[in-house]
Protein backbone atom coordinates (compact mmCIF):
# COMPACT_ATOMS: atom_id res chain seq x y z
CA MET A 1 9.34 110.44 9.49
CA THR A 2 7.37 111.82 12.75
CA LYS A 3 5.34 115.83 10.94
CA GLN A 4 7.01 117.83 12.16
CA LEU A 5 10.43 117.99 10.57
CA ARG A 6 8.89 120.01 7.86
CA GLU A 7 7.17 122.90 9.65
CA VAL A 8 10.22 123.62 11.79
CA MET A 9 12.48 123.72 8.76
CA GLY A 10 10.10 126.08 7.04
CA GLU A 11 10.40 128.53 9.87
CA TRP A 12 14.21 128.48 9.66
CA ALA A 13 14.07 130.26 6.34
CA ASP A 14 12.77 133.40 8.00
CA GLU A 15 15.59 133.71 10.52
CA VAL A 16 19.08 135.17 10.38
CA GLN A 17 20.60 132.37 12.41
CA VAL A 18 19.20 129.23 13.94
CA PRO A 19 16.11 130.70 15.64
CA HIS A 20 16.34 131.27 19.35
CA ASP A 21 12.94 129.63 19.74
CA LEU A 22 13.75 126.69 17.50
CA ALA A 23 13.20 124.22 20.32
CA ASP A 24 9.72 125.51 21.04
CA ARG A 25 8.89 125.16 17.37
CA ALA A 26 10.25 121.65 17.29
CA LEU A 27 8.19 120.68 20.30
CA ARG A 28 5.04 121.40 18.29
CA ARG A 29 5.84 119.07 15.44
CA ARG A 30 5.21 115.75 13.64
CA ALA A 31 2.52 113.11 13.99
CA ARG A 32 3.56 109.67 12.76
CA ARG A 33 7.30 109.90 13.33
CA PRO A 34 7.86 112.37 16.17
CA TRP A 35 11.30 113.94 15.96
CA VAL A 36 12.46 116.87 18.00
CA TYR A 37 15.88 118.11 18.88
CA GLY A 38 15.19 121.17 20.99
CA ALA A 39 13.66 121.99 24.34
CA LEU A 40 10.76 124.16 25.44
CA ALA A 41 11.41 127.89 24.88
CA VAL A 42 9.39 131.08 24.77
CA GLY A 43 7.44 131.56 21.53
CA VAL A 44 7.48 134.82 19.60
CA ALA A 45 4.90 136.38 17.34
CA VAL A 46 5.95 136.51 13.69
CA ALA A 47 4.32 138.68 11.07
CA LEU A 48 4.71 137.18 7.62
CA ALA A 49 3.41 137.70 4.11
CA VAL A 50 2.53 135.07 1.54
CA ALA A 51 2.05 134.94 -2.19
CA ALA A 52 -0.41 132.27 -3.28
CA MET A 53 0.24 130.54 -6.56
CA ILE A 54 -2.86 129.56 -8.51
CA VAL A 55 -2.60 126.30 -10.41
CA PRO A 56 -5.61 125.23 -12.46
CA ARG A 57 -7.29 121.98 -11.46
CA GLU A 58 -7.18 120.69 -15.03
CA LYS A 59 -3.42 120.25 -14.67
CA ASP A 60 -3.89 117.27 -12.37
CA ILE A 61 -1.46 114.57 -13.38
CA VAL A 62 -2.23 110.87 -13.35
CA ILE A 63 0.41 108.38 -14.48
CA ARG A 64 -0.27 104.65 -14.54
CA PRO A 65 2.80 102.65 -15.57
CA ALA A 66 2.34 98.94 -16.21
CA THR A 67 5.21 97.76 -14.01
CA GLU A 68 4.70 96.90 -10.36
CA VAL A 69 6.99 96.88 -7.30
CA THR A 70 7.08 94.24 -4.57
CA LEU A 71 7.91 95.83 -1.23
CA PRO A 72 9.72 93.83 1.47
CA ALA A 73 7.42 92.44 4.16
CA ARG A 74 7.46 94.04 7.60
CA PRO A 75 8.96 91.86 10.35
CA SER A 76 6.42 89.97 12.42
CA PRO A 77 6.69 90.11 15.29
CA ALA A 78 8.59 93.38 15.23
CA PRO A 79 11.67 93.63 17.46
CA THR A 80 11.19 95.42 20.77
CA ASP A 81 14.71 95.51 22.21
CA VAL A 82 16.31 98.68 23.56
CA ARG A 83 19.44 100.05 21.87
CA ALA A 84 21.33 103.19 22.79
CA ASP A 85 24.33 105.23 21.68
CA VAL A 86 25.18 107.83 24.30
CA GLU A 87 28.86 108.12 23.36
CA ASN A 88 28.47 109.50 19.83
CA VAL A 89 26.72 112.73 18.84
CA PRO A 90 25.34 112.35 16.21
CA PRO A 91 24.95 108.63 16.85
CA LYS A 92 26.88 105.99 14.95
CA ASN A 93 24.95 103.00 16.27
CA MET A 94 21.24 102.24 16.11
CA ILE A 95 18.95 103.81 18.72
CA ALA A 96 15.66 102.05 19.43
CA ALA A 97 13.22 101.34 22.24
CA GLY A 98 10.23 99.05 22.00
CA ASN A 99 7.90 100.08 19.19
CA TYR A 100 10.14 102.78 17.67
CA ALA A 101 13.64 103.22 16.27
CA ILE A 102 15.58 106.16 14.90
CA SER A 103 15.57 105.24 11.23
CA SER A 104 17.45 108.27 9.90
CA TYR A 105 18.61 111.74 10.79
CA PHE A 106 20.06 114.83 9.20
CA VAL A 107 22.63 117.42 10.24
CA TYR A 108 21.83 120.94 9.11
CA SER A 109 24.08 123.76 7.94
CA THR A 110 23.77 127.17 6.29
CA GLU A 111 25.03 127.36 2.72
CA LYS A 112 25.99 130.71 1.19
CA LEU A 113 24.91 131.32 -2.39
CA GLY A 114 25.54 134.24 -4.75
CA GLY A 115 23.98 137.66 -4.41
CA ARG A 116 23.56 137.51 -0.62
CA TRP A 117 21.36 134.46 -0.91
CA GLU A 118 21.63 131.70 1.68
CA ARG A 119 19.85 128.39 2.19
CA ARG A 120 19.49 125.63 4.72
CA ARG A 121 21.29 122.43 3.71
CA HIS A 122 20.65 118.95 5.11
CA THR A 123 23.07 116.05 5.13
CA TRP A 124 21.28 112.75 5.73
CA TRP A 125 22.28 109.54 7.51
CA LEU A 126 20.29 106.32 7.03
CA LEU A 127 20.14 103.23 9.23
CA ASN A 128 21.78 100.13 7.78
CA PRO A 129 19.80 97.29 9.42
CA ARG A 130 22.48 94.75 8.48
CA THR A 131 25.17 96.48 10.54
CA GLY A 132 23.00 98.41 13.00
CA THR A 133 24.84 101.63 12.12
CA TYR A 134 23.97 104.93 10.44
CA GLU A 135 25.55 105.69 7.08
CA LYS A 136 25.94 109.04 5.33
CA THR A 137 23.94 109.46 2.12
CA PRO A 138 24.03 111.92 -0.83
CA TYR A 139 20.28 112.50 -1.02
CA ALA A 140 18.25 115.71 -0.71
CA TRP A 141 15.68 113.95 1.48
CA LEU A 142 14.81 110.48 2.67
CA ASP A 143 12.12 108.73 4.66
CA VAL A 144 11.89 105.20 6.04
CA ALA A 145 8.66 103.22 5.90
CA PRO A 146 7.22 101.59 9.02
CA GLY A 147 9.01 98.30 9.58
CA LEU A 148 12.48 99.65 8.68
CA GLN A 149 12.67 97.54 5.52
CA VAL A 150 12.47 100.14 2.77
CA ALA A 151 13.42 103.80 2.34
CA ALA A 152 12.36 106.44 -0.18
CA VAL A 153 15.16 108.78 -1.24
CA LEU A 154 15.05 111.99 -3.24
CA GLU A 155 17.83 112.43 -5.77
CA GLY A 156 19.24 115.96 -5.88
CA GLU A 157 20.96 118.62 -3.79
CA VAL A 158 18.08 120.26 -1.91
CA MET A 159 15.13 119.42 -4.18
CA GLY A 160 14.50 116.94 -6.95
CA ARG A 161 12.09 115.03 -9.20
CA ARG A 162 13.43 111.47 -9.00
CA ILE A 163 12.46 109.15 -6.13
CA GLY A 164 14.33 105.94 -5.44
CA ILE A 165 12.79 103.04 -3.48
CA LEU A 166 15.63 101.38 -1.57
CA ASP A 167 15.60 97.91 -0.03
CA MET A 168 17.47 98.63 3.20
CA ASN A 169 18.45 94.98 3.74
CA THR A 170 20.07 94.44 0.35
CA GLY A 171 21.13 98.01 -0.40
CA GLN A 172 19.56 97.67 -3.86
CA PHE A 173 17.01 99.98 -5.46
CA LEU A 174 13.69 98.33 -6.22
CA THR A 175 12.63 101.07 -8.63
CA TRP A 176 12.86 104.77 -9.50
CA ILE A 177 9.83 107.04 -9.88
CA GLU A 178 9.96 110.22 -11.95
CA LEU A 179 7.86 113.32 -11.18
CA ASP A 180 7.36 116.41 -13.33
CA GLN A 181 7.75 119.00 -10.56
CA ASP A 182 10.39 119.57 -7.90
CA ILE A 183 9.64 118.32 -4.41
CA MET A 184 11.49 118.92 -1.15
CA SER A 185 10.15 116.19 1.12
CA LEU A 186 8.81 112.63 1.20
CA GLN A 187 6.61 110.90 3.76
CA TRP A 188 5.50 107.27 3.83
CA SER A 189 1.88 106.51 4.62
CA PRO A 190 1.15 104.70 7.91
CA ASP A 191 0.72 101.39 6.07
CA GLY A 192 4.01 101.81 4.20
CA THR A 193 2.58 101.60 0.67
CA LYS A 194 2.20 105.24 -0.44
CA LEU A 195 4.35 108.35 -0.49
CA LEU A 196 3.23 111.93 0.10
CA ALA A 197 5.42 114.60 -1.49
CA THR A 198 4.97 118.38 -1.45
CA ALA A 199 5.93 120.34 -4.57
CA TYR A 200 7.47 123.82 -4.78
CA THR A 201 8.68 125.99 -7.63
CA GLU A 202 11.53 127.36 -5.48
CA TYR A 203 13.40 125.78 -2.60
CA PRO A 204 11.47 127.07 0.44
CA LEU A 205 14.36 127.11 2.93
CA ARG A 206 16.23 130.02 1.38
CA TRP A 207 16.50 133.70 2.20
CA LYS A 208 18.35 136.87 1.21
CA ARG A 209 20.54 138.54 3.80
CA LYS A 210 20.10 142.30 4.11
CA ASP A 211 22.72 142.82 6.83
CA PRO A 212 24.39 140.69 9.53
CA THR A 213 21.23 140.60 11.63
CA THR A 214 18.40 140.79 9.07
CA THR A 215 17.11 138.61 6.25
CA SER A 216 14.30 139.09 3.77
CA ILE A 217 11.16 136.99 3.92
CA GLU A 218 10.52 135.06 0.74
CA PRO A 219 6.99 133.99 -0.21
CA THR A 220 6.27 130.27 -0.11
CA THR A 221 5.96 128.78 -3.59
CA ARG A 222 4.12 125.55 -2.83
CA THR A 223 2.12 124.27 -5.79
CA GLY A 224 0.47 121.13 -4.40
CA PHE A 225 1.14 117.55 -3.43
CA TYR A 226 1.80 114.17 -5.02
CA VAL A 227 0.43 110.86 -3.81
CA VAL A 228 2.50 107.94 -5.09
CA ASP A 229 1.20 104.39 -4.80
CA VAL A 230 4.55 102.63 -4.67
CA PRO A 231 3.56 99.02 -5.54
CA THR A 232 1.76 100.15 -8.73
CA LYS A 233 3.92 103.26 -9.34
CA LYS A 234 0.74 105.28 -9.85
CA VAL A 235 1.40 109.01 -9.41
CA GLU A 236 -1.28 111.65 -8.86
CA PHE A 237 -0.72 115.38 -8.39
CA ARG A 238 -3.19 117.70 -6.65
CA PRO A 239 -2.77 121.49 -7.04
CA MET A 240 -2.90 123.02 -3.55
CA PRO A 241 -1.37 126.51 -3.36
CA ILE A 242 -0.90 128.19 -0.01
CA ASP A 243 -4.09 129.29 1.74
CA GLU A 244 -4.02 132.81 3.16
CA ASN A 245 -5.01 131.42 6.58
CA ILE A 246 -1.85 129.34 6.83
CA LEU A 247 1.12 130.78 8.67
CA PRO A 248 3.27 131.27 5.55
CA THR A 249 6.72 130.21 6.69
CA GLY A 250 9.29 128.86 4.25
CA SER A 251 7.99 125.30 3.83
CA GLN A 252 4.39 124.17 4.10
CA ASP A 253 4.45 120.41 3.66
CA PHE A 254 1.45 118.11 3.78
CA ASN A 255 1.27 115.23 6.27
CA TRP A 256 -0.69 111.99 6.53
CA SER A 257 -3.59 111.56 8.92
CA GLN A 258 -3.09 108.74 11.41
CA ASP A 259 -5.12 106.26 9.34
CA GLY A 260 -3.61 107.36 6.02
CA LYS A 261 -6.99 108.22 4.49
CA LEU A 262 -6.51 112.00 4.55
CA VAL A 263 -3.70 114.55 4.41
CA TRP A 264 -3.39 117.70 6.47
CA GLU A 265 -1.48 120.97 6.64
CA GLY A 266 -0.70 123.11 9.66
CA ARG A 267 -2.46 126.41 10.24
CA GLY A 268 -1.42 129.57 12.04
CA GLY A 269 -4.53 129.69 14.23
CA GLU A 270 -7.42 127.46 15.24
CA PRO A 271 -8.02 124.85 14.11
CA ARG A 272 -4.35 123.99 13.99
CA ARG A 273 -4.83 121.52 11.13
CA ALA A 274 -6.80 121.59 7.89
CA TYR A 275 -7.61 118.17 6.41
CA PHE A 276 -8.10 117.15 2.79
CA THR A 277 -8.98 114.02 0.86
CA LEU A 278 -6.29 112.45 -1.32
CA ASP A 279 -7.84 114.19 -4.33
CA GLY A 280 -7.46 117.60 -2.68
CA ARG A 281 -10.99 118.29 -1.40
CA ALA A 282 -11.48 119.89 2.03
CA HIS A 283 -12.60 117.41 4.69
CA GLU A 284 -13.73 117.76 8.27
CA ALA A 285 -11.14 116.86 10.88
CA PRO A 286 -11.20 113.19 11.89
CA GLN A 287 -11.40 112.09 15.52
CA GLU A 288 -7.68 111.58 15.95
CA ALA A 289 -5.90 112.68 19.09
CA TYR A 290 -2.72 114.73 18.86
CA SER A 291 -0.71 116.83 21.25
CA SER A 292 1.12 120.12 20.89
CA ALA A 293 4.29 118.07 20.53
CA GLY A 294 2.97 116.72 17.24
CA VAL A 295 3.15 113.07 18.26
CA THR A 296 0.56 110.27 18.14
CA PRO A 297 -0.38 110.34 21.82
CA LEU A 298 -2.52 107.20 22.22
CA SER A 299 -0.81 104.26 23.93
CA PRO A 300 -0.66 100.90 22.07
CA ASN A 301 -3.46 99.49 24.25
CA GLY A 302 -5.59 102.60 23.71
CA ALA A 303 -5.85 103.41 27.42
CA LEU A 304 -3.48 106.35 27.96
CA LEU A 305 -2.70 109.68 26.30
CA LEU A 306 0.58 111.60 26.18
CA GLY A 307 0.30 115.20 27.34
CA ASP A 308 1.54 118.37 25.70
CA ALA A 309 5.14 119.55 25.76
CA GLY A 310 6.48 121.44 28.75
CA MET A 311 8.23 120.31 31.93
CA PRO A 312 6.89 118.43 33.72
CA THR A 313 4.98 116.43 31.15
CA SER A 314 1.99 114.27 32.02
CA ILE A 315 0.15 111.15 30.92
CA THR A 316 -3.60 110.85 31.39
CA GLU A 317 -6.16 108.09 31.32
CA LYS A 318 -8.18 108.42 28.12
CA ALA A 319 -11.50 107.32 29.62
CA THR A 320 -11.46 109.67 32.61
CA GLY A 321 -8.85 112.37 31.91
CA ARG A 322 -7.18 111.51 35.21
CA VAL A 323 -3.42 112.15 35.36
CA VAL A 324 -1.72 108.81 35.96
CA GLY A 325 1.88 109.99 35.83
CA ARG A 326 4.18 113.01 35.52
CA GLN A 327 7.67 113.03 34.03
CA GLN A 328 10.61 115.40 34.34
CA ALA A 329 10.83 115.70 30.57
CA LEU A 330 10.54 118.45 27.99
CA GLN A 331 8.51 116.37 25.55
CA LEU A 332 7.05 112.89 25.26
CA GLN A 333 7.98 111.69 21.80
CA ALA A 334 6.52 108.20 21.29
CA TRP A 335 5.22 105.14 23.10
CA ALA A 336 7.90 102.47 23.43
CA ASP A 337 5.24 100.18 24.93
CA ASP A 338 2.19 100.52 27.19
CA GLU A 339 4.33 101.33 30.22
CA SER A 340 7.17 103.50 28.90
CA VAL A 341 7.77 106.37 26.49
CA ILE A 342 10.65 107.85 24.52
CA ALA A 343 11.08 111.36 25.88
CA LEU A 344 13.28 114.41 25.46
CA ARG A 345 15.08 115.15 28.73
CA CYS A 346 17.38 118.12 29.39
CA ALA A 347 20.71 117.70 31.15
CA ARG A 348 21.36 118.16 34.85
CA GLU A 349 18.61 120.26 36.49
CA CYS A 350 17.63 121.76 33.15
CA ASP A 351 19.79 124.86 33.58
CA ASN A 352 20.08 124.90 29.77
CA GLU A 353 16.86 123.71 28.18
CA PHE A 354 18.55 123.35 24.79
CA ASP A 355 21.04 120.78 26.15
CA ALA A 356 18.95 117.64 25.86
CA ALA A 357 18.95 113.94 25.02
CA LEU A 358 16.51 111.11 24.39
CA MET A 359 15.52 109.06 27.43
CA LEU A 360 13.33 106.01 28.02
CA ILE A 361 10.96 106.98 30.84
CA GLY A 362 8.18 105.07 32.60
CA VAL A 363 4.62 106.36 32.85
CA ASP A 364 5.31 107.08 36.54
CA GLY A 365 8.34 109.21 35.63
CA THR A 366 11.02 106.62 36.39
CA GLU A 367 14.03 107.11 34.11
CA LYS A 368 14.84 103.68 32.68
CA ARG A 369 17.68 104.31 30.22
CA GLN A 370 19.40 107.15 28.39
CA LEU A 371 19.17 106.53 24.65
CA SER A 372 21.24 109.29 23.03
CA GLY A 373 24.01 111.68 23.94
CA TYR A 374 23.26 115.25 24.99
CA GLN A 375 23.60 118.04 22.43
CA ASN A 376 22.90 121.74 22.13
CA SER A 377 20.04 121.57 19.65
CA VAL A 378 20.13 125.22 18.55
CA LYS A 379 23.73 125.17 17.35
CA GLU A 380 24.41 124.66 13.67
CA GLY A 381 25.49 121.09 13.12
CA ALA A 382 22.95 119.61 15.53
CA TRP A 383 21.35 116.35 14.42
CA VAL A 384 17.61 115.99 13.81
CA TRP A 385 16.17 112.49 14.13
CA ALA A 386 13.20 110.61 12.71
CA LEU A 387 11.45 108.03 14.87
CA THR A 388 9.79 105.28 12.85
CA PRO A 389 7.58 102.35 13.93
CA ARG A 390 9.51 99.06 13.92
């Protein structure tokens, strides 16, 4: 998916209802597969506490099974057609534009547990490339690899230890991979061969309600991350408890760097990202551009950069910094091609910034085609999409 899904969901756990600034949080998220379902809103300061769990380095896990997995080849050339579904919210039919497609999405809800406990629940839909439609799934999490040929699914209700590798064209599982700790999320590497999974001892998107307007803040129980080489089924675990400098919201997932050589986690201050090698050692930040929206901002030809979230948005020339176009959009999500972007656009004259839809917009701001239907993104039951390279 495009980073970002994970940090926003972590912040939900600290709110009584869907946060009033959820859109602003969403607009700051995800690198490879940008997904956002809100609009720009005023941020608020949040004071939080965190309990760091210490896991000794000698507990690193390395598993090297003998069996290997052959992943389906990515299409070449990749399709670049434009598909839209503006009639159905959430969509029933495939949405795509140029280089990217919505590969999956979830609808969120609040689930009441015993003893005043509540948790955020996600119901996932996955693209069926044979029919061009989205189908409901029973999985706790899923992520689609670049190329839209294979998906990784997590078996369980909200967390789990068993990962299935699904051939999306045949509907058959290529293999199952067992872990020895619970994970909440999965993320394919940019080359579509590895999985990054963040482990927790407790489901991070849960809270205890004190009264109708107040909930308790639970410490994040992240223990580290797994890197899974899917073709060889090699699994490695790196203990990485929460750092005290990280804004300790409910979930603190790791994400891939744009070249897949490093992983990173978000921070509460500057720098906004801390990078690590795949064996868990701190690493200086690479020279990769990213915007406050959490997207990969460089155009396919390397000439232009997407600007930060906030209406109007802008696109600049990388070599000179000159603004080459402005758009009446809340956020620029991904490059469809060198001349157009997938953007989040609010309805009408933006009288309600949370009422928004996906739109294909030219660099010069020309609106080319509406891609999705409008929805109020801060209401429970809103759909949250994942944009994946085709």
